[in-house]
Each structure stands twice: as C-alpha cells, then as structure tokens.
Amino acid sequence: MSCTSATACTAAGFYSNATTPVTLAERWNGTKWSIQTTPNPAGGSNSTLDGVSCASASTCTAVGGYNNGTTGATLAERWNG
C-alpha cells in the first residue's frame, strides 16, 4: 500500500476469479475503498500485483508478474488518476 496523504492511498494485489489469480487495485479516499480497473495481460494467466508506489495522489505504479504461457514474466502498471 502507498499513501500520499490520509485521503489518498492505493493498495495493489490480486484475487481469484474462480479459476486463476487476476490483478486488483483499490483506492482509499479517506472514507471508503473503491476498486480500480486494472488490465491483465492478454493471453496471460496468474496475474498478480505485488507492490505499489505513488509519487502523488494521481500517479502510481504497481509491479507484479504473470505467466505468459511458458514462463513467468514481469508486469508493471501505471495509474494516472
């Protein structure tokens, strides 16, 4: 989780959609958490986000990985608010 203030936090991770892990990010606005849209690599499986860092309330980068069919691969996603 990364916070730039008491009303701007982002958490990143994953959840199982009944068959495989997929990326998950949530945003805290000081009152409640809301799920953010996160892409998963096309043709990939077992997509996870393992960490997030926010430079400002509207700039975050999350990192993790996924399986590209034959091996593990690095995944990085950027959120611009």
PDB file of N, CA and C in Angstrom:
ATOM      1  N   MET A   1       0.847  -1.166   0.000  1.00  0.00           N
ATOM      2  CA  MET A   1       0.000   0.000   0.000  1.00  0.00           C
ATOM      3  C   MET A   1       0.892   1.228   0.000  1.00  0.00           C
ATOM      4  N   SER A   2       0.447   2.255  -0.689  1.00  0.00           N
ATOM      5  CA  SER A   2       1.173   3.516  -0.752  1.00  0.00           C
ATOM      6  C   SER A   2       0.188   4.657  -0.546  1.00  0.00           C
ATOM      7  N   CYS A   3       0.543   5.583   0.338  1.00  0.00           N
ATOM      8  CA  CYS A   3      -0.319   6.730   0.636  1.00  0.00           C
ATOM      9  C   CYS A   3       0.457   8.023   0.444  1.00  0.00           C
ATOM     10  N   THR A   4      -0.160   8.984  -0.203  1.00  0.00           N
ATOM     11  CA  THR A   4       0.442  10.300  -0.323  1.00  0.00           C
ATOM     12  C   THR A   4      -0.178  11.286   0.652  1.00  0.00           C
ATOM     13  N   SER A   5      -1.297  10.883   1.268  1.00  0.00           N
ATOM     14  CA  SER A   5      -1.950  11.665   2.324  1.00  0.00           C
ATOM     15  C   SER A   5      -2.943  10.745   3.028  1.00  0.00           C
ATOM     16  N   ALA A   6      -3.610  11.266   4.037  1.00  0.00           N
ATOM     17  CA  ALA A   6      -4.599  10.473   4.766  1.00  0.00           C
ATOM     18  C   ALA A   6      -5.836  10.179   3.921  1.00  0.00           C
ATOM     19  N   THR A   7      -5.978  10.885   2.800  1.00  0.00           N
ATOM     20  CA  THR A   7      -7.144  10.674   1.935  1.00  0.00           C
ATOM     21  C   THR A   7      -6.767  10.201   0.534  1.00  0.00           C
ATOM     22  N   ALA A   8      -5.556   9.703   0.377  1.00  0.00           N
ATOM     23  CA  ALA A   8      -5.125   9.217  -0.942  1.00  0.00           C
ATOM     24  C   ALA A   8      -4.178   8.039  -0.767  1.00  0.00           C
ATOM     25  N   CYS A   9      -4.745   6.831  -0.759  1.00  0.00           N
ATOM     26  CA  CYS A   9      -3.955   5.610  -0.646  1.00  0.00           C
ATOM     27  C   CYS A   9      -4.350   4.652  -1.765  1.00  0.00           C
ATOM     28  N   THR A  10      -3.377   3.873  -2.213  1.00  0.00           N
ATOM     29  CA  THR A  10      -3.632   2.839  -3.206  1.00  0.00           C
ATOM     30  C   THR A  10      -3.036   1.538  -2.706  1.00  0.00           C
ATOM     31  N   ALA A  11      -3.810   0.469  -2.807  1.00  0.00           N
ATOM     32  CA  ALA A  11      -3.348  -0.872  -2.453  1.00  0.00           C
ATOM     33  C   ALA A  11      -3.423  -1.728  -3.705  1.00  0.00           C
ATOM     34  N   ALA A  12      -2.461  -2.626  -3.867  1.00  0.00           N
ATOM     35  CA  ALA A  12      -2.427  -3.493  -5.044  1.00  0.00           C
ATOM     36  C   ALA A  12      -2.216  -4.933  -4.613  1.00  0.00           C
ATOM     37  N   GLY A  13      -2.797  -5.852  -5.373  1.00  0.00           N
ATOM     38  CA  GLY A  13      -2.665  -7.268  -5.065  1.00  0.00           C
ATOM     39  C   GLY A  13      -3.328  -8.101  -6.145  1.00  0.00           C
ATOM     40  N   PHE A  14      -4.067  -9.115  -5.714  1.00  0.00           N
ATOM     41  CA  PHE A  14      -4.751  -9.976  -6.673  1.00  0.00           C
ATOM     42  C   PHE A  14      -5.883 -10.707  -5.959  1.00  0.00           C
ATOM     43  N   TYR A  15      -6.768 -11.297  -6.738  1.00  0.00           N
ATOM     44  CA  TYR A  15      -7.830 -12.145  -6.211  1.00  0.00           C
ATOM     45  C   TYR A  15      -8.061 -13.274  -7.203  1.00  0.00           C
ATOM     46  N   SER A  16      -8.713 -14.312  -6.766  1.00  0.00           N
ATOM     47  CA  SER A  16      -9.010 -15.427  -7.651  1.00  0.00           C
ATOM     48  C   SER A  16     -10.403 -15.242  -8.230  1.00  0.00           C
ATOM     49  N   ASN A  17     -10.503 -15.288  -9.544  1.00  0.00           N
ATOM     50  CA  ASN A  17     -11.804 -15.142 -10.203  1.00  0.00           C
ATOM     51  C   ASN A  17     -12.452 -16.501 -10.435  1.00  0.00           C
ATOM     52  N   ALA A  18     -12.208 -17.439  -9.549  1.00  0.00           N
ATOM     53  CA  ALA A  18     -12.729 -18.804  -9.557  1.00  0.00           C
ATOM     54  C   ALA A  18     -11.855 -19.761 -10.350  1.00  0.00           C
ATOM     55  N   THR A  19     -10.989 -19.247 -11.215  1.00  0.00           N
ATOM     56  CA  THR A  19     -10.121 -20.146 -11.965  1.00  0.00           C
ATOM     57  C   THR A  19      -8.649 -19.771 -11.886  1.00  0.00           C
ATOM     58  N   THR A  20      -8.339 -18.490 -11.805  1.00  0.00           N
ATOM     59  CA  THR A  20      -6.945 -18.047 -11.826  1.00  0.00           C
ATOM     60  C   THR A  20      -6.811 -16.693 -11.140  1.00  0.00           C
ATOM     61  N   PRO A  21      -5.647 -16.384 -10.581  1.00  0.00           N
ATOM     62  CA  PRO A  21      -5.454 -15.055  -9.994  1.00  0.00           C
ATOM     63  C   PRO A  21      -5.470 -13.957 -11.061  1.00  0.00           C
ATOM     64  N   VAL A  22      -6.078 -12.826 -10.720  1.00  0.00           N
ATOM     65  CA  VAL A  22      -6.084 -11.641 -11.583  1.00  0.00           C
ATOM     66  C   VAL A  22      -5.741 -10.420 -10.743  1.00  0.00           C
ATOM     67  N   THR A  23      -5.246  -9.377 -11.391  1.00  0.00           N
ATOM     68  CA  THR A  23      -4.791  -8.185 -10.686  1.00  0.00           C
ATOM     69  C   THR A  23      -5.947  -7.466  -9.991  1.00  0.00           C
ATOM     70  N   LEU A  24      -5.583  -6.758  -8.907  1.00  0.00           N
ATOM     71  CA  LEU A  24      -6.563  -5.981  -8.144  1.00  0.00           C
ATOM     72  C   LEU A  24      -5.872  -4.747  -7.593  1.00  0.00           C
ATOM     73  N   ALA A  25      -6.523  -3.600  -7.704  1.00  0.00           N
ATOM     74  CA  ALA A  25      -6.053  -2.366  -7.069  1.00  0.00           C
ATOM     75  C   ALA A  25      -7.261  -1.663  -6.472  1.00  0.00           C
ATOM     76  N   GLU A  26      -7.058  -1.094  -5.295  1.00  0.00           N
ATOM     77  CA  GLU A  26      -8.125  -0.346  -4.637  1.00  0.00           C
ATOM     78  C   GLU A  26      -7.585   0.999  -4.181  1.00  0.00           C
ATOM     79  N   ARG A  27      -8.458   1.981  -4.160  1.00  0.00           N
ATOM     80  CA  ARG A  27      -8.097   3.356  -3.806  1.00  0.00           C
ATOM     81  C   ARG A  27      -8.894   3.789  -2.584  1.00  0.00           C
ATOM     82  N   TRP A  28      -8.209   4.412  -1.605  1.00  0.00           N
ATOM     83  CA  TRP A  28      -8.825   4.948  -0.391  1.00  0.00           C
ATOM     84  C   TRP A  28      -8.954   6.454  -0.542  1.00  0.00           C
ATOM     85  N   ASN A  29     -10.153   6.994  -0.280  1.00  0.00           N
ATOM     86  CA  ASN A  29     -10.365   8.436  -0.398  1.00  0.00           C
ATOM     87  C   ASN A  29     -10.556   9.112   0.954  1.00  0.00           C
ATOM     88  N   GLY A  30     -10.227   8.412   2.024  1.00  0.00           N
ATOM     89  CA  GLY A  30     -10.394   8.961   3.374  1.00  0.00           C
ATOM     90  C   GLY A  30     -11.659   8.465   4.036  1.00  0.00           C
ATOM     91  N   THR A  31     -12.581   7.908   3.246  1.00  0.00           N
ATOM     92  CA  THR A  31     -13.846   7.406   3.755  1.00  0.00           C
ATOM     93  C   THR A  31     -14.080   5.947   3.402  1.00  0.00           C
ATOM     94  N   LYS A  32     -13.778   5.584   2.159  1.00  0.00           N
ATOM     95  CA  LYS A  32     -14.041   4.213   1.715  1.00  0.00           C
ATOM     96  C   LYS A  32     -13.038   3.787   0.655  1.00  0.00           C
ATOM     97  N   TRP A  33     -12.928   2.471   0.494  1.00  0.00           N
ATOM     98  CA  TRP A  33     -12.110   1.882  -0.558  1.00  0.00           C
ATOM     99  C   TRP A  33     -12.960   1.689  -1.805  1.00  0.00           C
ATOM    100  N   SER A  34     -12.373   1.902  -2.978  1.00  0.00           N
ATOM    101  CA  SER A  34     -13.075   1.616  -4.230  1.00  0.00           C
ATOM    102  C   SER A  34     -12.122   0.858  -5.157  1.00  0.00           C
ATOM    103  N   ILE A  35     -12.669  -0.122  -5.839  1.00  0.00           N
ATOM    104  CA  ILE A  35     -11.878  -0.948  -6.752  1.00  0.00           C
ATOM    105  C   ILE A  35     -11.554  -0.140  -8.005  1.00  0.00           C
ATOM    106  N   GLN A  36     -10.296  -0.211  -8.420  1.00  0.00           N
ATOM    107  CA  GLN A  36      -9.832   0.455  -9.636  1.00  0.00           C
ATOM    108  C   GLN A  36      -9.733  -0.573 -10.756  1.00  0.00           C
ATOM    109  N   THR A  37      -9.962  -0.153 -11.973  1.00  0.00           N
ATOM    110  CA  THR A  37      -9.821  -1.040 -13.119  1.00  0.00           C
ATOM    111  C   THR A  37      -8.341  -1.325 -13.347  1.00  0.00           C
ATOM    112  N   THR A  38      -7.991  -2.600 -13.448  1.00  0.00           N
ATOM    113  CA  THR A  38      -6.604  -2.983 -13.738  1.00  0.00           C
ATOM    114  C   THR A  38      -6.602  -3.962 -14.904  1.00  0.00           C
ATOM    115  N   PRO A  39      -5.757  -3.730 -15.889  1.00  0.00           N
ATOM    116  CA  PRO A  39      -5.679  -4.669 -17.004  1.00  0.00           C
ATOM    117  C   PRO A  39      -4.881  -5.908 -16.621  1.00  0.00           C
ATOM    118  N   ASN A  40      -5.183  -7.006 -17.270  1.00  0.00           N
ATOM    119  CA  ASN A  40      -4.414  -8.234 -17.148  1.00  0.00           C
ATOM    120  C   ASN A  40      -3.861  -8.546 -18.532  1.00  0.00           C
ATOM    121  N   PRO A  41      -2.618  -9.017 -18.619  1.00  0.00           N
ATOM    122  CA  PRO A  41      -2.013  -9.263 -19.927  1.00  0.00           C
ATOM    123  C   PRO A  41      -2.832 -10.238 -20.780  1.00  0.00           C
ATOM    124  N   ALA A  42      -3.046  -9.886 -22.035  1.00  0.00           N
ATOM    125  CA  ALA A  42      -3.767 -10.759 -22.965  1.00  0.00           C
ATOM    126  C   ALA A  42      -2.998 -12.060 -23.132  1.00  0.00           C
ATOM    127  N   GLY A  43      -3.685 -13.166 -23.012  1.00  0.00           N
ATOM    128  CA  GLY A  43      -3.058 -14.460 -23.165  1.00  0.00           C
ATOM    129  C   GLY A  43      -2.280 -14.921 -21.951  1.00  0.00           C
ATOM    130  N   GLY A  44      -2.226 -14.084 -20.932  1.00  0.00           N
ATOM    131  CA  GLY A  44      -1.501 -14.446 -19.713  1.00  0.00           C
ATOM    132  C   GLY A  44      -2.425 -15.073 -18.691  1.00  0.00           C
ATOM    133  N   SER A  45      -1.841 -15.644 -17.658  1.00  0.00           N
ATOM    134  CA  SER A  45      -2.617 -16.200 -16.560  1.00  0.00           C
ATOM    135  C   SER A  45      -1.872 -15.947 -15.260  1.00  0.00           C
ATOM    136  N   ASN A  46      -2.539 -16.162 -14.166  1.00  0.00           N
ATOM    137  CA  ASN A  46      -1.952 -15.980 -12.839  1.00  0.00           C
ATOM    138  C   ASN A  46      -1.339 -14.594 -12.667  1.00  0.00           C
ATOM    139  N   SER A  47      -2.090 -13.557 -13.043  1.00  0.00           N
ATOM    140  CA  SER A  47      -1.609 -12.175 -12.958  1.00  0.00           C
ATOM    141  C   SER A  47      -1.731 -11.665 -11.531  1.00  0.00           C
ATOM    142  N   THR A  48      -0.635 -11.130 -11.009  1.00  0.00           N
ATOM    143  CA  THR A  48      -0.631 -10.595  -9.650  1.00  0.00           C
ATOM    144  C   THR A  48       0.076  -9.255  -9.606  1.00  0.00           C
ATOM    145  N   LEU A  49      -0.348  -8.412  -8.685  1.00  0.00           N
ATOM    146  CA  LEU A  49       0.378  -7.195  -8.352  1.00  0.00           C
ATOM    147  C   LEU A  49       0.935  -7.408  -6.950  1.00  0.00           C
ATOM    148  N   ASP A  50       2.212  -7.134  -6.776  1.00  0.00           N
ATOM    149  CA  ASP A  50       2.877  -7.425  -5.510  1.00  0.00           C
ATOM    150  C   ASP A  50       3.296  -6.188  -4.735  1.00  0.00           C
ATOM    151  N   GLY A  51       3.278  -5.028  -5.386  1.00  0.00           N
ATOM    152  CA  GLY A  51       3.658  -3.804  -4.697  1.00  0.00           C
ATOM    153  C   GLY A  51       3.201  -2.600  -5.481  1.00  0.00           C
ATOM    154  N   VAL A  52       3.084  -1.466  -4.777  1.00  0.00           N
ATOM    155  CA  VAL A  52       2.661  -0.226  -5.430  1.00  0.00           C
ATOM    156  C   VAL A  52       3.383   0.943  -4.773  1.00  0.00           C
ATOM    157  N   SER A  53       3.687   1.954  -5.575  1.00  0.00           N
ATOM    158  CA  SER A  53       4.293   3.174  -5.069  1.00  0.00           C
ATOM    159  C   SER A  53       3.634   4.353  -5.758  1.00  0.00           C
ATOM    160  N   CYS A  54       3.232   5.344  -4.972  1.00  0.00           N
ATOM    161  CA  CYS A  54       2.568   6.531  -5.517  1.00  0.00           C
ATOM    162  C   CYS A  54       3.442   7.753  -5.265  1.00  0.00           C
ATOM    163  N   ALA A  55       3.779   8.467  -6.334  1.00  0.00           N
ATOM    164  CA  ALA A  55       4.560   9.692  -6.222  1.00  0.00           C
ATOM    165  C   ALA A  55       3.681  10.887  -5.880  1.00  0.00           C
ATOM    166  N   SER A  56       2.398  10.792  -6.223  1.00  0.00           N
ATOM    167  CA  SER A  56       1.434  11.845  -5.923  1.00  0.00           C
ATOM    168  C   SER A  56       0.063  11.201  -5.826  1.00  0.00           C
ATOM    169  N   ALA A  57      -0.951  11.989  -5.532  1.00  0.00           N
ATOM    170  CA  ALA A  57      -2.306  11.452  -5.408  1.00  0.00           C
ATOM    171  C   ALA A  57      -2.838  10.924  -6.738  1.00  0.00           C
ATOM    172  N   SER A  58      -2.212  11.309  -7.849  1.00  0.00           N
ATOM    173  CA  SER A  58      -2.703  10.860  -9.160  1.00  0.00           C
ATOM    174  C   SER A  58      -1.646  10.146 -10.003  1.00  0.00           C
ATOM    175  N   THR A  59      -0.583   9.668  -9.380  1.00  0.00           N
ATOM    176  CA  THR A  59       0.456   8.951 -10.117  1.00  0.00           C
ATOM    177  C   THR A  59       0.960   7.770  -9.295  1.00  0.00           C
ATOM    178  N   CYS A  60       0.577   6.563  -9.700  1.00  0.00           N
ATOM    179  CA  CYS A  60       1.009   5.346  -9.006  1.00  0.00           C
ATOM    180  C   CYS A  60       1.513   4.325 -10.018  1.00  0.00           C
ATOM    181  N   THR A  61       2.486   3.540  -9.595  1.00  0.00           N
ATOM    182  CA  THR A  61       2.992   2.432 -10.394  1.00  0.00           C
ATOM    183  C   THR A  61       2.931   1.170  -9.548  1.00  0.00           C
ATOM    184  N   ALA A  62       2.349   0.124 -10.114  1.00  0.00           N
ATOM    185  CA  ALA A  62       2.258  -1.167  -9.428  1.00  0.00           C
ATOM    186  C   ALA A  62       3.083  -2.177 -10.209  1.00  0.00           C
ATOM    187  N   VAL A  63       3.714  -3.107  -9.489  1.00  0.00           N
ATOM    188  CA  VAL A  63       4.528  -4.137 -10.134  1.00  0.00           C
ATOM    189  C   VAL A  63       4.098  -5.510  -9.656  1.00  0.00           C
ATOM    190  N   GLY A  64       4.325  -6.494 -10.491  1.00  0.00           N
ATOM    191  CA  GLY A  64       3.980  -7.866 -10.149  1.00  0.00           C
ATOM    192  C   GLY A  64       4.448  -8.796 -11.244  1.00  0.00           C
ATOM    193  N   GLY A  65       3.642  -9.804 -11.542  1.00  0.00           N
ATOM    194  CA  GLY A  65       4.035 -10.755 -12.564  1.00  0.00           C
ATOM    195  C   GLY A  65       2.850 -11.537 -13.085  1.00  0.00           C
ATOM    196  N   TYR A  66       3.109 -12.355 -14.105  1.00  0.00           N
ATOM    197  CA  TYR A  66       2.086 -13.214 -14.690  1.00  0.00           C
ATOM    198  C   TYR A  66       2.773 -14.345 -15.431  1.00  0.00           C
ATOM    199  N   ASN A  67       2.018 -15.341 -15.810  1.00  0.00           N
ATOM    200  CA  ASN A  67       2.537 -16.447 -16.602  1.00  0.00           C
ATOM    201  C   ASN A  67       2.149 -16.203 -18.047  1.00  0.00           C
ATOM    202  N   ASN A  68       3.124 -16.180 -18.941  1.00  0.00           N
ATOM    203  CA  ASN A  68       2.827 -15.886 -20.344  1.00  0.00           C
ATOM    204  C   ASN A  68       2.603 -17.140 -21.179  1.00  0.00           C
ATOM    205  N   GLY A  69       2.380 -18.250 -20.518  1.00  0.00           N
ATOM    206  CA  GLY A  69       2.116 -19.496 -21.221  1.00  0.00           C
ATOM    207  C   GLY A  69       3.258 -20.486 -21.115  1.00  0.00           C
ATOM    208  N   THR A  70       4.471 -19.971 -21.047  1.00  0.00           N
ATOM    209  CA  THR A  70       5.631 -20.854 -20.933  1.00  0.00           C
ATOM    210  C   THR A  70       6.507 -20.547 -19.728  1.00  0.00           C
ATOM    211  N   THR A  71       6.459 -19.318 -19.251  1.00  0.00           N
ATOM    212  CA  THR A  71       7.329 -18.911 -18.147  1.00  0.00           C
ATOM    213  C   THR A  71       6.727 -17.697 -17.438  1.00  0.00           C
ATOM    214  N   GLY A  72       7.294 -17.335 -16.312  1.00  0.00           N
ATOM    215  CA  GLY A  72       6.856 -16.141 -15.602  1.00  0.00           C
ATOM    216  C   GLY A  72       7.379 -14.889 -16.285  1.00  0.00           C
ATOM    217  N   ALA A  73       6.624 -13.818 -16.210  1.00  0.00           N
ATOM    218  CA  ALA A  73       7.014 -12.551 -16.816  1.00  0.00           C
ATOM    219  C   ALA A  73       6.716 -11.415 -15.848  1.00  0.00           C
ATOM    220  N   THR A  74       7.439 -10.328 -15.998  1.00  0.00           N
ATOM    221  CA  THR A  74       7.257  -9.142 -15.165  1.00  0.00           C
ATOM    222  C   THR A  74       6.054  -8.349 -15.653  1.00  0.00           C
ATOM    223  N   LEU A  75       5.351  -7.755 -14.706  1.00  0.00           N
ATOM    224  CA  LEU A  75       4.183  -6.928 -15.015  1.00  0.00           C
ATOM    225  C   LEU A  75       4.332  -5.600 -14.294  1.00  0.00           C
ATOM    226  N   ALA A  76       4.132  -4.498 -14.996  1.00  0.00           N
ATOM    227  CA  ALA A  76       4.132  -3.165 -14.397  1.00  0.00           C
ATOM    228  C   ALA A  76       2.937  -2.404 -14.963  1.00  0.00           C
ATOM    229  N   GLU A  77       2.212  -1.734 -14.088  1.00  0.00           N
ATOM    230  CA  GLU A  77       1.049  -0.960 -14.488  1.00  0.00           C
ATOM    231  C   GLU A  77       1.145   0.421 -13.877  1.00  0.00           C
ATOM    232  N   ARG A  78       0.733   1.437 -14.621  1.00  0.00           N
ATOM    233  CA  ARG A  78       0.776   2.808 -14.139  1.00  0.00           C
ATOM    234  C   ARG A  78      -0.628   3.395 -14.117  1.00  0.00           C
ATOM    235  N   TRP A  79      -0.934   4.098 -13.041  1.00  0.00           N
ATOM    236  CA  TRP A  79      -2.243   4.751 -12.899  1.00  0.00           C
ATOM    237  C   TRP A  79      -2.007   6.255 -12.912  1.00  0.00           C
ATOM    238  N   ASN A  80      -2.794   6.983 -13.696  1.00  0.00           N
ATOM    239  CA  ASN A  80      -2.597   8.427 -13.810  1.00  0.00           C
ATOM    240  C   ASN A  80      -3.767   9.232 -13.260  1.00  0.00           C
ATOM    241  N   GLY A  81      -4.566   8.608 -12.407  1.00  0.00           N
ATOM    242  CA  GLY A  81      -5.660   9.323 -11.786  1.00  0.00           C
ATOM    243  C   GLY A  81      -6.900   9.319 -12.615  1.00  0.00           C
TER     244      GLY A  81
END
